[in-house]
Amino acid sequence: MKRVLSVLAAVALLGAPALAQEEQSTAPFAYRQLDDPAEERAAMDLMETLRCLQCQGQSIADSDAPIAGSMRSLVRERIKAGESPEDIRAWLIERYGDYVSYAPQLTELTWPLFAVPLVFLLIAVLLLRRRFTLRREATERDAGDEGEEA
């Protein structure tokens, strides 16, 4: 019994720092809003368009991951310092890459991502147009053949 208790005590002592570290955040604005409502609204609008690098499916506004908390704090600190949301977005993209933004920018590397769907759409329209034109011509030809037989 003593052995079981000592093992449980060791697990509890070893696990406690890991749990405490997860809960603690060194980012001052990770969970605290800015005092100015206009600044907080600008920060929230920006945070909703930035992807959490750990969760990947959530914005930093919705994520509870530690890196999302740090990014929220960075956004709020920079908004409070007077930086524009677009300058902050550009800085985060430069730091973390295009993936961090839900609103990708058109660049010489990303233009195919925007162009390829348009090309597929154009091909689909042309194929459908051709199919309906051929069908209409066949229908008109069949109607003409019936008129000659009578």
C-alpha atoms as a PDB file:
ATOM      1  CA  MET A   1       0.000   0.000   0.000  1.00  0.00           C
ATOM      2  CA  LYS A   2       2.853   2.366   0.853  1.00  0.00           C
ATOM      3  CA  ARG A   3       4.422   1.654  -2.493  1.00  0.00           C
ATOM      4  CA  VAL A   4       1.208   2.533  -4.381  1.00  0.00           C
ATOM      5  CA  LEU A   5       0.851   5.774  -2.435  1.00  0.00           C
ATOM      6  CA  SER A   6       4.441   6.759  -3.108  1.00  0.00           C
ATOM      7  CA  VAL A   7       4.014   6.068  -6.842  1.00  0.00           C
ATOM      8  CA  LEU A   8       0.826   8.170  -6.930  1.00  0.00           C
ATOM      9  CA  ALA A   9       2.549  10.981  -5.042  1.00  0.00           C
ATOM     10  CA  ALA A  10       5.492  10.904  -7.473  1.00  0.00           C
ATOM     11  CA  VAL A  11       3.166  11.026 -10.491  1.00  0.00           C
ATOM     12  CA  ALA A  12       1.256  13.932  -8.968  1.00  0.00           C
ATOM     13  CA  LEU A  13       4.452  15.850  -8.201  1.00  0.00           C
ATOM     14  CA  LEU A  14       5.937  15.241 -11.628  1.00  0.00           C
ATOM     15  CA  GLY A  15       2.717  16.058 -13.497  1.00  0.00           C
ATOM     16  CA  ALA A  16       1.858  19.254 -11.614  1.00  0.00           C
ATOM     17  CA  PRO A  17       4.553  21.492 -13.193  1.00  0.00           C
ATOM     18  CA  ALA A  18       3.472  20.451 -16.680  1.00  0.00           C
ATOM     19  CA  LEU A  19      -0.143  21.353 -15.931  1.00  0.00           C
ATOM     20  CA  ALA A  20       0.835  24.643 -14.294  1.00  0.00           C
ATOM     21  CA  GLN A  21       3.024  25.557 -17.249  1.00  0.00           C
ATOM     22  CA  GLU A  22       0.151  24.917 -19.666  1.00  0.00           C
ATOM     23  CA  GLU A  23      -2.164  27.231 -17.713  1.00  0.00           C
ATOM     24  CA  GLN A  24       0.370  30.041 -17.296  1.00  0.00           C
ATOM     25  CA  SER A  25       0.805  32.497 -20.108  1.00  0.00           C
ATOM     26  CA  THR A  26       3.576  35.018 -20.377  1.00  0.00           C
ATOM     27  CA  ALA A  27       1.548  37.011 -22.912  1.00  0.00           C
ATOM     28  CA  PRO A  28      -0.165  39.870 -21.044  1.00  0.00           C
ATOM     29  CA  PHE A  29      -3.049  40.321 -23.508  1.00  0.00           C
ATOM     30  CA  ALA A  30      -3.675  36.671 -24.334  1.00  0.00           C
ATOM     31  CA  TYR A  31      -6.912  36.585 -22.361  1.00  0.00           C
ATOM     32  CA  ARG A  32      -7.351  40.241 -21.394  1.00  0.00           C
ATOM     33  CA  GLN A  33      -9.118  42.724 -23.646  1.00  0.00           C
ATOM     34  CA  LEU A  34      -7.914  46.213 -24.432  1.00  0.00           C
ATOM     35  CA  ASP A  35      -9.491  49.079 -22.496  1.00  0.00           C
ATOM     36  CA  ASP A  36     -10.513  51.014 -25.626  1.00  0.00           C
ATOM     37  CA  PRO A  37     -13.534  49.284 -27.273  1.00  0.00           C
ATOM     38  CA  ALA A  38     -12.574  50.536 -30.760  1.00  0.00           C
ATOM     39  CA  GLU A  39      -9.054  49.124 -30.427  1.00  0.00           C
ATOM     40  CA  GLU A  40     -10.418  45.814 -29.082  1.00  0.00           C
ATOM     41  CA  ARG A  41     -12.888  45.587 -32.002  1.00  0.00           C
ATOM     42  CA  ALA A  42     -10.043  46.184 -34.503  1.00  0.00           C
ATOM     43  CA  ALA A  43      -7.937  43.548 -32.724  1.00  0.00           C
ATOM     44  CA  MET A  44     -10.810  41.015 -32.719  1.00  0.00           C
ATOM     45  CA  ASP A  45     -11.570  41.648 -36.397  1.00  0.00           C
ATOM     46  CA  LEU A  46      -7.937  40.937 -37.232  1.00  0.00           C
ATOM     47  CA  MET A  47      -7.657  37.909 -34.929  1.00  0.00           C
ATOM     48  CA  GLU A  48     -10.662  36.268 -36.605  1.00  0.00           C
ATOM     49  CA  THR A  49      -8.802  36.348 -39.936  1.00  0.00           C
ATOM     50  CA  LEU A  50      -5.583  34.805 -38.598  1.00  0.00           C
ATOM     51  CA  ARG A  51      -5.116  31.024 -38.434  1.00  0.00           C
ATOM     52  CA  CYS A  52      -3.794  29.289 -35.341  1.00  0.00           C
ATOM     53  CA  LEU A  53      -0.533  27.612 -36.318  1.00  0.00           C
ATOM     54  CA  GLN A  54      -1.073  24.727 -33.907  1.00  0.00           C
ATOM     55  CA  CYS A  55      -4.814  24.046 -34.356  1.00  0.00           C
ATOM     56  CA  GLN A  56      -4.836  24.940 -38.075  1.00  0.00           C
ATOM     57  CA  GLY A  57      -8.622  24.782 -38.280  1.00  0.00           C
ATOM     58  CA  GLN A  58      -9.321  27.639 -35.881  1.00  0.00           C
ATOM     59  CA  SER A  59      -8.621  31.326 -35.843  1.00  0.00           C
ATOM     60  CA  ILE A  60      -6.430  32.680 -33.079  1.00  0.00           C
ATOM     61  CA  ALA A  61      -9.557  34.318 -31.644  1.00  0.00           C
ATOM     62  CA  ASP A  62     -11.166  30.879 -31.108  1.00  0.00           C
ATOM     63  CA  SER A  63      -8.140  28.753 -30.237  1.00  0.00           C
ATOM     64  CA  ASP A  64      -6.959  27.930 -26.713  1.00  0.00           C
ATOM     65  CA  ALA A  65      -3.496  26.836 -27.882  1.00  0.00           C
ATOM     66  CA  PRO A  66      -0.577  28.629 -26.187  1.00  0.00           C
ATOM     67  CA  ILE A  67       0.745  29.976 -29.499  1.00  0.00           C
ATOM     68  CA  ALA A  68      -2.686  31.432 -30.278  1.00  0.00           C
ATOM     69  CA  GLY A  69      -2.626  33.218 -26.921  1.00  0.00           C
ATOM     70  CA  SER A  70       0.792  34.656 -27.734  1.00  0.00           C
ATOM     71  CA  MET A  71      -0.422  35.786 -31.154  1.00  0.00           C
ATOM     72  CA  ARG A  72      -3.549  37.397 -29.626  1.00  0.00           C
ATOM     73  CA  SER A  73      -1.325  39.256 -27.208  1.00  0.00           C
ATOM     74  CA  LEU A  74       0.962  40.422 -30.029  1.00  0.00           C
ATOM     75  CA  VAL A  75      -2.018  41.682 -32.035  1.00  0.00           C
ATOM     76  CA  ARG A  76      -3.461  43.567 -29.061  1.00  0.00           C
ATOM     77  CA  GLU A  77      -0.090  45.051 -28.076  1.00  0.00           C
ATOM     78  CA  ARG A  78       0.540  46.298 -31.617  1.00  0.00           C
ATOM     79  CA  ILE A  79      -3.001  47.692 -31.982  1.00  0.00           C
ATOM     80  CA  LYS A  80      -2.547  49.490 -28.665  1.00  0.00           C
ATOM     81  CA  ALA A  81       0.774  50.893 -29.941  1.00  0.00           C
ATOM     82  CA  GLY A  82      -1.080  52.407 -32.921  1.00  0.00           C
ATOM     83  CA  GLU A  83      -0.185  49.993 -35.729  1.00  0.00           C
ATOM     84  CA  SER A  84      -2.780  49.349 -38.400  1.00  0.00           C
ATOM     85  CA  PRO A  85      -4.316  45.869 -38.716  1.00  0.00           C
ATOM     86  CA  GLU A  86      -2.894  45.468 -42.239  1.00  0.00           C
ATOM     87  CA  ASP A  87       0.630  46.303 -41.015  1.00  0.00           C
ATOM     88  CA  ILE A  88       0.224  43.708 -38.264  1.00  0.00           C
ATOM     89  CA  ARG A  89      -1.075  41.130 -40.774  1.00  0.00           C
ATOM     90  CA  ALA A  90       1.904  41.833 -43.066  1.00  0.00           C
ATOM     91  CA  TRP A  91       4.304  41.411 -40.145  1.00  0.00           C
ATOM     92  CA  LEU A  92       2.701  38.101 -39.104  1.00  0.00           C
ATOM     93  CA  ILE A  93       2.784  36.823 -42.695  1.00  0.00           C
ATOM     94  CA  GLU A  94       6.442  37.781 -42.941  1.00  0.00           C
ATOM     95  CA  ARG A  95       7.137  36.015 -39.653  1.00  0.00           C
ATOM     96  CA  TYR A  96       4.972  32.860 -40.060  1.00  0.00           C
ATOM     97  CA  GLY A  97       4.284  32.684 -43.803  1.00  0.00           C
ATOM     98  CA  ASP A  98       1.126  33.054 -45.912  1.00  0.00           C
ATOM     99  CA  TYR A  99      -0.504  30.134 -44.108  1.00  0.00           C
ATOM    100  CA  VAL A 100      -1.219  32.285 -41.051  1.00  0.00           C
ATOM    101  CA  SER A 101      -3.808  34.355 -42.930  1.00  0.00           C
ATOM    102  CA  TYR A 102      -7.282  33.173 -43.915  1.00  0.00           C
ATOM    103  CA  ALA A 103      -7.235  35.928 -46.561  1.00  0.00           C
ATOM    104  CA  PRO A 104      -4.355  34.961 -48.871  1.00  0.00           C
ATOM    105  CA  GLN A 105      -2.783  37.728 -50.879  1.00  0.00           C
ATOM    106  CA  LEU A 106      -2.288  37.637 -54.632  1.00  0.00           C
ATOM    107  CA  THR A 107       1.437  37.348 -55.343  1.00  0.00           C
ATOM    108  CA  GLU A 108       3.557  35.905 -58.109  1.00  0.00           C
ATOM    109  CA  LEU A 109       3.661  32.628 -56.177  1.00  0.00           C
ATOM    110  CA  THR A 110      -0.064  32.421 -55.358  1.00  0.00           C
ATOM    111  CA  TRP A 111      -1.687  33.642 -58.605  1.00  0.00           C
ATOM    112  CA  PRO A 112      -2.120  30.071 -59.955  1.00  0.00           C
ATOM    113  CA  LEU A 113      -4.271  29.262 -56.934  1.00  0.00           C
ATOM    114  CA  PHE A 114      -6.644  32.009 -58.029  1.00  0.00           C
ATOM    115  CA  ALA A 115      -6.382  31.376 -61.793  1.00  0.00           C
ATOM    116  CA  VAL A 116      -6.812  27.586 -61.950  1.00  0.00           C
ATOM    117  CA  PRO A 117     -10.425  27.540 -60.680  1.00  0.00           C
ATOM    118  CA  LEU A 118     -11.319  30.238 -63.213  1.00  0.00           C
ATOM    119  CA  VAL A 119      -9.744  28.203 -66.028  1.00  0.00           C
ATOM    120  CA  PHE A 120     -11.722  25.108 -64.959  1.00  0.00           C
ATOM    121  CA  LEU A 121     -14.912  27.166 -64.861  1.00  0.00           C
ATOM    122  CA  LEU A 122     -14.243  28.523 -68.367  1.00  0.00           C
ATOM    123  CA  ILE A 123     -13.590  24.992 -69.708  1.00  0.00           C
ATOM    124  CA  ALA A 124     -16.827  23.746 -68.107  1.00  0.00           C
ATOM    125  CA  VAL A 125     -18.832  26.598 -69.678  1.00  0.00           C
ATOM    126  CA  LEU A 126     -17.321  25.920 -73.116  1.00  0.00           C
ATOM    127  CA  LEU A 127     -18.005  22.168 -72.881  1.00  0.00           C
ATOM    128  CA  LEU A 128     -21.604  22.719 -71.770  1.00  0.00           C
ATOM    129  CA  ARG A 129     -22.173  25.278 -74.503  1.00  0.00           C
ATOM    130  CA  ARG A 130     -20.839  22.868 -77.125  1.00  0.00           C
ATOM    131  CA  ARG A 131     -22.979  20.020 -75.816  1.00  0.00           C
ATOM    132  CA  PHE A 132     -26.188  22.070 -75.854  1.00  0.00           C
ATOM    133  CA  THR A 133     -25.375  23.475 -79.317  1.00  0.00           C
ATOM    134  CA  LEU A 134     -24.857  19.945 -80.718  1.00  0.00           C
ATOM    135  CA  ARG A 135     -28.044  18.732 -79.038  1.00  0.00           C
ATOM    136  CA  ARG A 136     -30.049  21.647 -80.493  1.00  0.00           C
ATOM    137  CA  GLU A 137     -28.623  21.007 -83.980  1.00  0.00           C
ATOM    138  CA  ALA A 138     -29.510  17.310 -83.710  1.00  0.00           C
ATOM    139  CA  THR A 139     -33.042  18.170 -82.607  1.00  0.00           C
ATOM    140  CA  GLU A 140     -33.476  20.607 -85.503  1.00  0.00           C
ATOM    141  CA  ARG A 141     -32.086  18.032 -87.948  1.00  0.00           C
ATOM    142  CA  ASP A 142     -34.473  15.363 -86.643  1.00  0.00           C
ATOM    143  CA  ALA A 143     -37.399  17.791 -86.949  1.00  0.00           C
ATOM    144  CA  GLY A 144     -36.368  18.548 -90.556  1.00  0.00           C
ATOM    145  CA  ASP A 145     -36.177  14.819 -91.408  1.00  0.00           C
ATOM    146  CA  GLU A 146     -39.709  14.253 -90.091  1.00  0.00           C
ATOM    147  CA  GLY A 147     -41.032  17.120 -92.271  1.00  0.00           C
ATOM    148  CA  GLU A 148     -39.506  15.588 -95.416  1.00  0.00           C
ATOM    149  CA  GLU A 149     -41.035  12.161 -94.751  1.00  0.00           C
ATOM    150  CA  ALA A 150     -44.565  13.547 -94.559  1.00  0.00           C
END
